Amino acid sequence: MLRHISERYARGLCAAVVAVVTLILAANAVPARAVDERRTSNVQQTHHAR
């Protein structure tokens, strides 16, 4: 019985660690930079009228 409880605890703890690491990596992710800077200057940005 105790073994099953410790296995569940270990799985839950492992899942929590994976979730926290995933959130940290997602928070630190930055947009990729364009290889060719000229292409980004041709992009038109539209602003929605309110």
C-alpha atoms as a PDB file:
ATOM      1  CA  MET A   1       0.000   0.000   0.000  1.00  0.00           C
ATOM      2  CA  LEU A   2       2.743   2.424   0.964  1.00  0.00           C
ATOM      3  CA  ARG A   3       4.608   1.618  -2.228  1.00  0.00           C
ATOM      4  CA  HIS A   4       1.610   2.616  -4.375  1.00  0.00           C
ATOM      5  CA  ILE A   5       1.290   5.906  -2.506  1.00  0.00           C
ATOM      6  CA  SER A   6       4.973   6.714  -2.985  1.00  0.00           C
ATOM      7  CA  GLU A   7       4.753   5.859  -6.699  1.00  0.00           C
ATOM      8  CA  ARG A   8       1.792   8.207  -7.097  1.00  0.00           C
ATOM      9  CA  TYR A   9       3.641  10.911  -5.171  1.00  0.00           C
ATOM     10  CA  ALA A  10       6.737  10.474  -7.363  1.00  0.00           C
ATOM     11  CA  ARG A  11       4.665  10.666 -10.574  1.00  0.00           C
ATOM     12  CA  GLY A  12       2.836  13.752  -9.339  1.00  0.00           C
ATOM     13  CA  LEU A  13       6.066  15.433  -8.316  1.00  0.00           C
ATOM     14  CA  CYS A  14       7.673  14.610 -11.653  1.00  0.00           C
ATOM     15  CA  ALA A  15       4.671  16.028 -13.524  1.00  0.00           C
ATOM     16  CA  ALA A  16       4.820  19.203 -11.442  1.00  0.00           C
ATOM     17  CA  VAL A  17       8.531  19.668 -12.163  1.00  0.00           C
ATOM     18  CA  VAL A  18       7.965  19.165 -15.888  1.00  0.00           C
ATOM     19  CA  ALA A  19       5.124  21.701 -15.829  1.00  0.00           C
ATOM     20  CA  VAL A  20       7.224  24.315 -14.034  1.00  0.00           C
ATOM     21  CA  VAL A  21      10.183  23.818 -16.382  1.00  0.00           C
ATOM     22  CA  THR A  22       7.865  24.122 -19.384  1.00  0.00           C
ATOM     23  CA  LEU A  23       6.416  27.381 -18.064  1.00  0.00           C
ATOM     24  CA  ILE A  24       9.868  28.809 -17.375  1.00  0.00           C
ATOM     25  CA  LEU A  25      11.106  27.904 -20.847  1.00  0.00           C
ATOM     26  CA  ALA A  26       7.986  29.396 -22.445  1.00  0.00           C
ATOM     27  CA  ALA A  27       8.383  32.610 -20.463  1.00  0.00           C
ATOM     28  CA  ASN A  28      12.003  32.978 -21.562  1.00  0.00           C
ATOM     29  CA  ALA A  29      11.308  32.242 -25.221  1.00  0.00           C
ATOM     30  CA  VAL A  30      11.915  35.176 -27.536  1.00  0.00           C
ATOM     31  CA  PRO A  31      10.714  35.640 -31.093  1.00  0.00           C
ATOM     32  CA  ALA A  32      13.139  34.407 -33.718  1.00  0.00           C
ATOM     33  CA  ARG A  33      15.065  37.095 -35.549  1.00  0.00           C
ATOM     34  CA  ALA A  34      14.763  37.392 -39.283  1.00  0.00           C
ATOM     35  CA  VAL A  35      17.813  36.256 -41.206  1.00  0.00           C
ATOM     36  CA  ASP A  36      17.280  38.885 -43.898  1.00  0.00           C
ATOM     37  CA  GLU A  37      16.577  42.278 -42.362  1.00  0.00           C
ATOM     38  CA  ARG A  38      15.341  43.705 -45.687  1.00  0.00           C
ATOM     39  CA  ARG A  39      12.324  41.424 -45.686  1.00  0.00           C
ATOM     40  CA  THR A  40      11.064  42.696 -42.368  1.00  0.00           C
ATOM     41  CA  SER A  41      11.020  46.303 -43.602  1.00  0.00           C
ATOM     42  CA  ASN A  42       8.556  45.407 -46.360  1.00  0.00           C
ATOM     43  CA  VAL A  43       5.954  44.062 -43.961  1.00  0.00           C
ATOM     44  CA  GLN A  44       2.949  46.316 -43.604  1.00  0.00           C
ATOM     45  CA  GLN A  45       1.292  46.529 -40.254  1.00  0.00           C
ATOM     46  CA  THR A  46      -2.403  47.186 -40.123  1.00  0.00           C
ATOM     47  CA  HIS A  47      -4.114  48.825 -37.207  1.00  0.00           C
ATOM     48  CA  HIS A  48      -7.718  48.005 -36.608  1.00  0.00           C
ATOM     49  CA  ALA A  49     -10.013  51.009 -36.361  1.00  0.00           C
ATOM     50  CA  ARG A  50     -11.944  51.201 -33.137  1.00  0.00           C
END
